[in-house]
All heavy atoms as atom14 arrays in JSON, in Angstrom:
{
  "sequence": "ATALGVFILRKKMPDAPRPYKVWGYPVVPAIVILISAGL",
  "atom14_mask": [
    [1, 1, 1, 1, 1, 0, 0, 0, 0, 0, 0, 0, 0, 0],
    [1, 1, 1, 1, 1, 1, 1, 0, 0, 0, 0, 0, 0, 0],
    [1, 1, 1, 1, 1, 0, 0, 0, 0, 0, 0, 0, 0, 0],
    [1, 1, 1, 1, 1, 1, 1, 1, 0, 0, 0, 0, 0, 0],
    [1, 1, 1, 1, 0, 0, 0, 0, 0, 0, 0, 0, 0, 0],
    [1, 1, 1, 1, 1, 1, 1, 0, 0, 0, 0, 0, 0, 0],
    [1, 1, 1, 1, 1, 1, 1, 1, 1, 1, 1, 0, 0, 0],
    [1, 1, 1, 1, 1, 1, 1, 1, 0, 0, 0, 0, 0, 0],
    [1, 1, 1, 1, 1, 1, 1, 1, 0, 0, 0, 0, 0, 0],
    [1, 1, 1, 1, 1, 1, 1, 1, 1, 1, 1, 0, 0, 0],
    [1, 1, 1, 1, 1, 1, 1, 1, 1, 0, 0, 0, 0, 0],
    [1, 1, 1, 1, 1, 1, 1, 1, 1, 0, 0, 0, 0, 0],
    [1, 1, 1, 1, 1, 1, 1, 1, 0, 0, 0, 0, 0, 0],
    [1, 1, 1, 1, 1, 1, 1, 0, 0, 0, 0, 0, 0, 0],
    [1, 1, 1, 1, 1, 1, 1, 1, 0, 0, 0, 0, 0, 0],
    [1, 1, 1, 1, 1, 0, 0, 0, 0, 0, 0, 0, 0, 0],
    [1, 1, 1, 1, 1, 1, 1, 0, 0, 0, 0, 0, 0, 0],
    [1, 1, 1, 1, 1, 1, 1, 1, 1, 1, 1, 0, 0, 0],
    [1, 1, 1, 1, 1, 1, 1, 0, 0, 0, 0, 0, 0, 0],
    [1, 1, 1, 1, 1, 1, 1, 1, 1, 1, 1, 1, 0, 0],
    [1, 1, 1, 1, 1, 1, 1, 1, 1, 0, 0, 0, 0, 0],
    [1, 1, 1, 1, 1, 1, 1, 0, 0, 0, 0, 0, 0, 0],
    [1, 1, 1, 1, 1, 1, 1, 1, 1, 1, 1, 1, 1, 1],
    [1, 1, 1, 1, 0, 0, 0, 0, 0, 0, 0, 0, 0, 0],
    [1, 1, 1, 1, 1, 1, 1, 1, 1, 1, 1, 1, 0, 0],
    [1, 1, 1, 1, 1, 1, 1, 0, 0, 0, 0, 0, 0, 0],
    [1, 1, 1, 1, 1, 1, 1, 0, 0, 0, 0, 0, 0, 0],
    [1, 1, 1, 1, 1, 1, 1, 0, 0, 0, 0, 0, 0, 0],
    [1, 1, 1, 1, 1, 1, 1, 0, 0, 0, 0, 0, 0, 0],
    [1, 1, 1, 1, 1, 0, 0, 0, 0, 0, 0, 0, 0, 0],
    [1, 1, 1, 1, 1, 1, 1, 1, 0, 0, 0, 0, 0, 0],
    [1, 1, 1, 1, 1, 1, 1, 0, 0, 0, 0, 0, 0, 0],
    [1, 1, 1, 1, 1, 1, 1, 1, 0, 0, 0, 0, 0, 0],
    [1, 1, 1, 1, 1, 1, 1, 1, 0, 0, 0, 0, 0, 0],
    [1, 1, 1, 1, 1, 1, 1, 1, 0, 0, 0, 0, 0, 0],
    [1, 1, 1, 1, 1, 1, 0, 0, 0, 0, 0, 0, 0, 0],
    [1, 1, 1, 1, 1, 0, 0, 0, 0, 0, 0, 0, 0, 0],
    [1, 1, 1, 1, 0, 0, 0, 0, 0, 0, 0, 0, 0, 0],
    [1, 1, 1, 1, 1, 1, 1, 1, 0, 0, 0, 0, 0, 0]
  ],
  "atom14_positions": [
    [[7.33, -33.4, -10.65], [5.95, -32.95, -10.58], [5.63, -32.37, -9.26], [4.93, -31.4, -9.06], [5.06, -34.11, -10.93], [0.0, 0.0, 0.0], [0.0, 0.0, 0.0], [0.0, 0.0, 0.0], [0.0, 0.0, 0.0], [0.0, 0.0, 0.0], [0.0, 0.0, 0.0], [0.0, 0.0, 0.0], [0.0, 0.0, 0.0], [0.0, 0.0, 0.0]],
    [[6.21, -32.96, -8.16], [5.99, -32.44, -6.82], [6.55, -31.08, -6.64], [5.9, -30.22, -6.15], [6.56, -33.42, -5.82], [5.98, -34.76, -5.96], [6.32, -32.92, -4.4], [0.0, 0.0, 0.0], [0.0, 0.0, 0.0], [0.0, 0.0, 0.0], [0.0, 0.0, 0.0], [0.0, 0.0, 0.0], [0.0, 0.0, 0.0], [0.0, 0.0, 0.0]],
    [[7.79, -30.9, -7.12], [8.39, -29.59, -7.03], [7.67, -28.59, -7.9], [7.48, -27.36, -7.44], [9.87, -29.68, -7.47], [0.0, 0.0, 0.0], [0.0, 0.0, 0.0], [0.0, 0.0, 0.0], [0.0, 0.0, 0.0], [0.0, 0.0, 0.0], [0.0, 0.0, 0.0], [0.0, 0.0, 0.0], [0.0, 0.0, 0.0], [0.0, 0.0, 0.0]],
    [[7.25, -28.98, -9.06], [6.46, -28.06, -9.9], [5.11, -27.69, -9.23], [4.69, -26.51, -9.26], [6.23, -28.7, -11.24], [5.43, -27.85, -12.29], [6.27, -26.57, -12.63], [5.17, -28.65, -13.5], [0.0, 0.0, 0.0], [0.0, 0.0, 0.0], [0.0, 0.0, 0.0], [0.0, 0.0, 0.0], [0.0, 0.0, 0.0], [0.0, 0.0, 0.0]],
    [[4.5, -28.64, -8.51], [3.3, -28.4, -7.76], [3.49, -27.28, -6.7], [2.52, -26.58, -6.49], [0.0, 0.0, 0.0], [0.0, 0.0, 0.0], [0.0, 0.0, 0.0], [0.0, 0.0, 0.0], [0.0, 0.0, 0.0], [0.0, 0.0, 0.0], [0.0, 0.0, 0.0], [0.0, 0.0, 0.0], [0.0, 0.0, 0.0], [0.0, 0.0, 0.0]],
    [[4.65, -27.19, -6.14], [4.9, -26.17, -5.12], [4.69, -24.8, -5.79], [4.02, -23.89, -5.26], [6.26, -26.24, -4.55], [6.65, -25.04, -3.65], [6.37, -27.55, -3.73], [0.0, 0.0, 0.0], [0.0, 0.0, 0.0], [0.0, 0.0, 0.0], [0.0, 0.0, 0.0], [0.0, 0.0, 0.0], [0.0, 0.0, 0.0], [0.0, 0.0, 0.0]],
    [[5.29, -24.63, -7.03], [5.12, -23.32, -7.71], [3.71, -23.05, -8.1], [3.17, -21.93, -7.93], [6.07, -23.34, -8.94], [7.46, -23.23, -8.63], [8.37, -24.22, -8.71], [8.06, -21.92, -8.21], [9.73, -24.15, -8.47], [9.42, -21.81, -7.89], [10.23, -22.94, -8.02], [0.0, 0.0, 0.0], [0.0, 0.0, 0.0], [0.0, 0.0, 0.0]],
    [[3.04, -24.08, -8.62], [1.68, -23.94, -9.03], [0.76, -23.55, -7.87], [-0.08, -22.66, -8.01], [1.21, -25.23, -9.77], [1.96, -25.37, -11.11], [-0.28, -25.23, -10.02], [1.77, -26.8, -11.74], [0.0, 0.0, 0.0], [0.0, 0.0, 0.0], [0.0, 0.0, 0.0], [0.0, 0.0, 0.0], [0.0, 0.0, 0.0], [0.0, 0.0, 0.0]],
    [[0.9, -24.33, -6.77], [0.01, -24.03, -5.67], [0.32, -22.61, -5.02], [-0.59, -21.89, -4.57], [0.11, -25.06, -4.61], [-0.49, -26.37, -4.97], [-0.2, -27.5, -3.91], [-1.99, -26.31, -5.22], [0.0, 0.0, 0.0], [0.0, 0.0, 0.0], [0.0, 0.0, 0.0], [0.0, 0.0, 0.0], [0.0, 0.0, 0.0], [0.0, 0.0, 0.0]],
    [[1.54, -22.24, -5.03], [1.9, -20.89, -4.49], [1.27, -19.83, -5.37], [0.94, -18.73, -4.88], [3.39, -20.72, -4.37], [4.02, -21.63, -3.37], [4.53, -20.88, -2.16], [4.95, -21.79, -1.14], [6.15, -21.7, -0.53], [6.95, -20.79, -0.89], [6.46, -22.54, 0.43], [0.0, 0.0, 0.0], [0.0, 0.0, 0.0], [0.0, 0.0, 0.0]],
    [[1.17, -20.05, -6.68], [0.62, -19.08, -7.59], [-0.89, -19.06, -7.49], [-1.5, -18.01, -7.43], [0.97, -19.49, -9.06], [0.5, -18.61, -10.11], [1.27, -17.36, -10.32], [0.82, -16.66, -11.57], [1.14, -15.28, -11.56], [0.0, 0.0, 0.0], [0.0, 0.0, 0.0], [0.0, 0.0, 0.0], [0.0, 0.0, 0.0], [0.0, 0.0, 0.0]],
    [[-1.58, -20.26, -7.52], [-2.99, -20.41, -7.43], [-3.52, -20.06, -6.05], [-4.68, -19.54, -6.02], [-3.47, -21.78, -7.82], [-3.25, -22.01, -9.29], [-3.87, -23.37, -9.68], [-3.92, -23.58, -11.14], [-4.55, -24.76, -11.64], [0.0, 0.0, 0.0], [0.0, 0.0, 0.0], [0.0, 0.0, 0.0], [0.0, 0.0, 0.0], [0.0, 0.0, 0.0]],
    [[-2.84, -20.33, -5.01], [-3.32, -20.16, -3.69], [-2.32, -19.4, -2.76], [-1.73, -20.0, -1.86], [-3.7, -21.5, -3.03], [-4.77, -22.28, -3.82], [-4.91, -24.05, -3.44], [-4.9, -24.09, -1.68], [0.0, 0.0, 0.0], [0.0, 0.0, 0.0], [0.0, 0.0, 0.0], [0.0, 0.0, 0.0], [0.0, 0.0, 0.0], [0.0, 0.0, 0.0]],
    [[-2.1, -18.19, -3.1], [-1.03, -17.49, -2.43], [-1.24, -17.21, -0.9], [-0.34, -17.1, -0.06], [-0.93, -16.12, -3.12], [-2.26, -15.93, -3.81], [-2.73, -17.4, -4.1], [0.0, 0.0, 0.0], [0.0, 0.0, 0.0], [0.0, 0.0, 0.0], [0.0, 0.0, 0.0], [0.0, 0.0, 0.0], [0.0, 0.0, 0.0], [0.0, 0.0, 0.0]],
    [[-2.57, -17.21, -0.48], [-2.85, -16.93, 0.91], [-3.19, -18.2, 1.7], [-3.54, -18.13, 2.89], [-4.06, -16.01, 0.98], [-3.74, -14.65, 0.31], [-2.63, -14.21, 0.43], [-4.7, -14.09, -0.31], [0.0, 0.0, 0.0], [0.0, 0.0, 0.0], [0.0, 0.0, 0.0], [0.0, 0.0, 0.0], [0.0, 0.0, 0.0], [0.0, 0.0, 0.0]],
    [[-2.93, -19.36, 1.12], [-3.16, -20.65, 1.81], [-2.22, -20.78, 3.03], [-1.07, -20.33, 2.93], [-3.06, -21.77, 0.93], [0.0, 0.0, 0.0], [0.0, 0.0, 0.0], [0.0, 0.0, 0.0], [0.0, 0.0, 0.0], [0.0, 0.0, 0.0], [0.0, 0.0, 0.0], [0.0, 0.0, 0.0], [0.0, 0.0, 0.0], [0.0, 0.0, 0.0]],
    [[-2.68, -21.37, 4.09], [-1.73, -21.6, 5.28], [-0.66, -22.52, 4.81], [-0.9, -23.53, 4.1], [-2.65, -22.17, 6.35], [-3.9, -22.56, 5.67], [-4.03, -21.79, 4.38], [0.0, 0.0, 0.0], [0.0, 0.0, 0.0], [0.0, 0.0, 0.0], [0.0, 0.0, 0.0], [0.0, 0.0, 0.0], [0.0, 0.0, 0.0], [0.0, 0.0, 0.0]],
    [[0.57, -22.27, 5.27], [1.74, -23.09, 4.92], [2.34, -23.65, 6.21], [3.33, -23.03, 6.76], [2.74, -22.23, 4.17], [2.07, -21.55, 2.95], [2.8, -21.69, 1.67], [2.31, -20.88, 0.67], [1.26, -21.18, -0.1], [0.65, -22.26, 0.11], [0.87, -20.32, -1.07], [0.0, 0.0, 0.0], [0.0, 0.0, 0.0], [0.0, 0.0, 0.0]],
    [[1.88, -24.7, 6.73], [2.41, -25.27, 7.99], [3.87, -25.79, 7.8], [4.59, -25.88, 8.73], [1.44, -26.4, 8.37], [0.74, -26.73, 7.13], [0.67, -25.5, 6.25], [0.0, 0.0, 0.0], [0.0, 0.0, 0.0], [0.0, 0.0, 0.0], [0.0, 0.0, 0.0], [0.0, 0.0, 0.0], [0.0, 0.0, 0.0], [0.0, 0.0, 0.0]],
    [[4.18, -26.14, 6.54], [5.48, -26.58, 6.22], [6.11, -25.67, 5.17], [5.52, -25.55, 4.1], [5.53, -28.06, 5.75], [6.8, -28.59, 5.42], [7.76, -28.96, 6.31], [7.22, -28.59, 4.01], [8.97, -29.4, 6.01], [8.48, -29.06, 3.69], [9.39, -29.43, 4.66], [10.64, -29.9, 4.32], [0.0, 0.0, 0.0], [0.0, 0.0, 0.0]],
    [[7.24, -25.08, 5.46], [7.91, -24.21, 4.57], [8.85, -24.98, 3.65], [9.56, -25.92, 4.14], [8.68, -23.1, 5.21], [7.81, -22.32, 6.24], [6.85, -21.47, 5.46], [6.04, -20.57, 6.42], [4.87, -19.98, 5.91], [0.0, 0.0, 0.0], [0.0, 0.0, 0.0], [0.0, 0.0, 0.0], [0.0, 0.0, 0.0], [0.0, 0.0, 0.0]],
    [[8.98, -24.71, 2.4], [9.93, -25.34, 1.5], [11.22, -24.68, 1.68], [11.38, -23.52, 1.49], [9.4, -25.28, -0.02], [10.41, -25.85, -0.94], [8.05, -25.92, -0.19], [0.0, 0.0, 0.0], [0.0, 0.0, 0.0], [0.0, 0.0, 0.0], [0.0, 0.0, 0.0], [0.0, 0.0, 0.0], [0.0, 0.0, 0.0], [0.0, 0.0, 0.0]],
    [[12.18, -25.49, 2.09], [13.54, -25.03, 2.31], [14.15, -24.47, 1.06], [14.07, -25.16, 0.02], [14.4, -26.09, 2.92], [15.79, -25.68, 3.28], [16.16, -25.01, 4.44], [16.94, -25.77, 2.51], [17.52, -24.84, 4.42], [18.03, -25.25, 3.22], [17.17, -26.27, 1.25], [19.28, -25.22, 2.73], [18.53, -26.2, 0.78], [19.55, -25.67, 1.44]],
    [[14.64, -23.28, 1.08], [15.39, -22.7, -0.04], [14.47, -22.3, -1.19], [14.95, -22.14, -2.34], [0.0, 0.0, 0.0], [0.0, 0.0, 0.0], [0.0, 0.0, 0.0], [0.0, 0.0, 0.0], [0.0, 0.0, 0.0], [0.0, 0.0, 0.0], [0.0, 0.0, 0.0], [0.0, 0.0, 0.0], [0.0, 0.0, 0.0], [0.0, 0.0, 0.0]],
    [[13.16, -22.1, -0.93], [12.26, -21.69, -2.02], [12.69, -20.31, -2.49], [12.98, -19.47, -1.75], [10.8, -21.6, -1.44], [9.8, -21.27, -2.45], [9.3, -22.19, -3.37], [9.37, -19.89, -2.58], [8.33, -21.75, -4.29], [8.49, -19.51, -3.54], [7.98, -20.45, -4.41], [7.04, -20.07, -5.39], [0.0, 0.0, 0.0], [0.0, 0.0, 0.0]],
    [[12.66, -20.02, -3.75], [12.34, -20.86, -4.94], [13.51, -21.66, -5.57], [13.3, -22.35, -6.53], [11.71, -19.83, -5.84], [12.56, -18.58, -5.62], [12.87, -18.66, -4.17], [0.0, 0.0, 0.0], [0.0, 0.0, 0.0], [0.0, 0.0, 0.0], [0.0, 0.0, 0.0], [0.0, 0.0, 0.0], [0.0, 0.0, 0.0], [0.0, 0.0, 0.0]],
    [[14.68, -21.35, -5.06], [15.9, -21.99, -5.73], [15.9, -23.53, -5.64], [16.11, -24.16, -6.62], [17.15, -21.38, -5.12], [18.41, -22.05, -5.67], [17.21, -19.94, -5.29], [0.0, 0.0, 0.0], [0.0, 0.0, 0.0], [0.0, 0.0, 0.0], [0.0, 0.0, 0.0], [0.0, 0.0, 0.0], [0.0, 0.0, 0.0], [0.0, 0.0, 0.0]],
    [[15.68, -24.08, -4.47], [15.79, -25.52, -4.33], [14.74, -26.31, -5.17], [15.06, -27.23, -5.86], [15.73, -25.94, -2.83], [15.69, -27.45, -2.66], [16.99, -25.39, -2.08], [0.0, 0.0, 0.0], [0.0, 0.0, 0.0], [0.0, 0.0, 0.0], [0.0, 0.0, 0.0], [0.0, 0.0, 0.0], [0.0, 0.0, 0.0], [0.0, 0.0, 0.0]],
    [[13.45, -25.89, -5.11], [12.5, -26.58, -5.95], [12.79, -26.41, -7.41], [12.61, -27.36, -8.22], [11.13, -25.94, -5.6], [11.31, -25.32, -4.33], [12.74, -24.98, -4.22], [0.0, 0.0, 0.0], [0.0, 0.0, 0.0], [0.0, 0.0, 0.0], [0.0, 0.0, 0.0], [0.0, 0.0, 0.0], [0.0, 0.0, 0.0], [0.0, 0.0, 0.0]],
    [[13.36, -25.27, -7.83], [13.72, -25.06, -9.25], [14.89, -25.97, -9.63], [14.88, -26.56, -10.73], [14.08, -23.6, -9.51], [0.0, 0.0, 0.0], [0.0, 0.0, 0.0], [0.0, 0.0, 0.0], [0.0, 0.0, 0.0], [0.0, 0.0, 0.0], [0.0, 0.0, 0.0], [0.0, 0.0, 0.0], [0.0, 0.0, 0.0], [0.0, 0.0, 0.0]],
    [[15.81, -26.18, -8.74], [16.92, -27.08, -9.02], [16.44, -28.5, -9.12], [16.82, -29.34, -10.03], [18.03, -26.97, -7.94], [18.72, -25.57, -8.07], [18.99, -28.07, -7.98], [19.64, -25.25, -6.83], [0.0, 0.0, 0.0], [0.0, 0.0, 0.0], [0.0, 0.0, 0.0], [0.0, 0.0, 0.0], [0.0, 0.0, 0.0], [0.0, 0.0, 0.0]],
    [[15.5, -28.89, -8.25], [14.87, -30.27, -8.28], [14.2, -30.44, -9.6], [14.39, -31.54, -10.24], [13.9, -30.49, -7.15], [13.13, -31.76, -7.32], [14.66, -30.49, -5.84], [0.0, 0.0, 0.0], [0.0, 0.0, 0.0], [0.0, 0.0, 0.0], [0.0, 0.0, 0.0], [0.0, 0.0, 0.0], [0.0, 0.0, 0.0], [0.0, 0.0, 0.0]],
    [[13.44, -29.46, -10.15], [12.8, -29.6, -11.4], [13.78, -29.77, -12.54], [13.61, -30.57, -13.43], [11.9, -28.34, -11.7], [10.74, -28.37, -10.68], [11.36, -28.41, -13.13], [9.87, -27.1, -10.64], [0.0, 0.0, 0.0], [0.0, 0.0, 0.0], [0.0, 0.0, 0.0], [0.0, 0.0, 0.0], [0.0, 0.0, 0.0], [0.0, 0.0, 0.0]],
    [[14.87, -28.95, -12.48], [15.94, -29.0, -13.51], [16.6, -30.4, -13.56], [16.77, -31.0, -14.63], [16.9, -27.9, -13.44], [16.38, -26.52, -13.72], [17.44, -25.47, -13.36], [15.97, -26.42, -15.16], [0.0, 0.0, 0.0], [0.0, 0.0, 0.0], [0.0, 0.0, 0.0], [0.0, 0.0, 0.0], [0.0, 0.0, 0.0], [0.0, 0.0, 0.0]],
    [[16.92, -30.84, -12.38], [17.6, -32.18, -12.26], [16.69, -33.29, -12.72], [17.09, -34.22, -13.43], [18.12, -32.4, -10.86], [19.33, -31.48, -10.57], [18.58, -33.88, -10.71], [19.79, -31.46, -9.16], [0.0, 0.0, 0.0], [0.0, 0.0, 0.0], [0.0, 0.0, 0.0], [0.0, 0.0, 0.0], [0.0, 0.0, 0.0], [0.0, 0.0, 0.0]],
    [[15.4, -33.2, -12.32], [14.47, -34.28, -12.66], [14.26, -34.24, -14.19], [14.26, -35.33, -14.8], [13.04, -33.97, -11.99], [13.24, -34.05, -10.6], [0.0, 0.0, 0.0], [0.0, 0.0, 0.0], [0.0, 0.0, 0.0], [0.0, 0.0, 0.0], [0.0, 0.0, 0.0], [0.0, 0.0, 0.0], [0.0, 0.0, 0.0], [0.0, 0.0, 0.0]],
    [[14.15, -33.01, -14.83], [14.01, -32.97, -16.26], [15.29, -33.52, -16.93], [15.15, -34.22, -18.0], [13.68, -31.56, -16.65], [0.0, 0.0, 0.0], [0.0, 0.0, 0.0], [0.0, 0.0, 0.0], [0.0, 0.0, 0.0], [0.0, 0.0, 0.0], [0.0, 0.0, 0.0], [0.0, 0.0, 0.0], [0.0, 0.0, 0.0], [0.0, 0.0, 0.0]],
    [[16.46, -33.17, -16.39], [17.68, -33.67, -16.99], [17.75, -35.19, -16.94], [18.08, -35.83, -17.9], [0.0, 0.0, 0.0], [0.0, 0.0, 0.0], [0.0, 0.0, 0.0], [0.0, 0.0, 0.0], [0.0, 0.0, 0.0], [0.0, 0.0, 0.0], [0.0, 0.0, 0.0], [0.0, 0.0, 0.0], [0.0, 0.0, 0.0], [0.0, 0.0, 0.0]],
    [[17.36, -35.79, -15.8], [17.42, -37.24, -15.71], [16.36, -37.9, -16.58], [16.65, -38.94, -17.11], [17.26, -37.7, -14.21], [18.5, -37.42, -13.35], [18.15, -37.74, -11.86], [19.6, -38.39, -13.74], [0.0, 0.0, 0.0], [0.0, 0.0, 0.0], [0.0, 0.0, 0.0], [0.0, 0.0, 0.0], [0.0, 0.0, 0.0], [0.0, 0.0, 0.0]]
  ]
}
C-alpha cells in the first residue's frame, strides 16, 4: 500500500515538493508492489 501510494500521490500531486526521492522510481516501487501482492 505504501509503494502504491507513491504512484497515486505522484499522479494526484505532480507538482508537490519531494524532499525525499524514491530510489529507482518507478521500477523499485513497482517491484515492491508485485512482491507484496505475490506474498
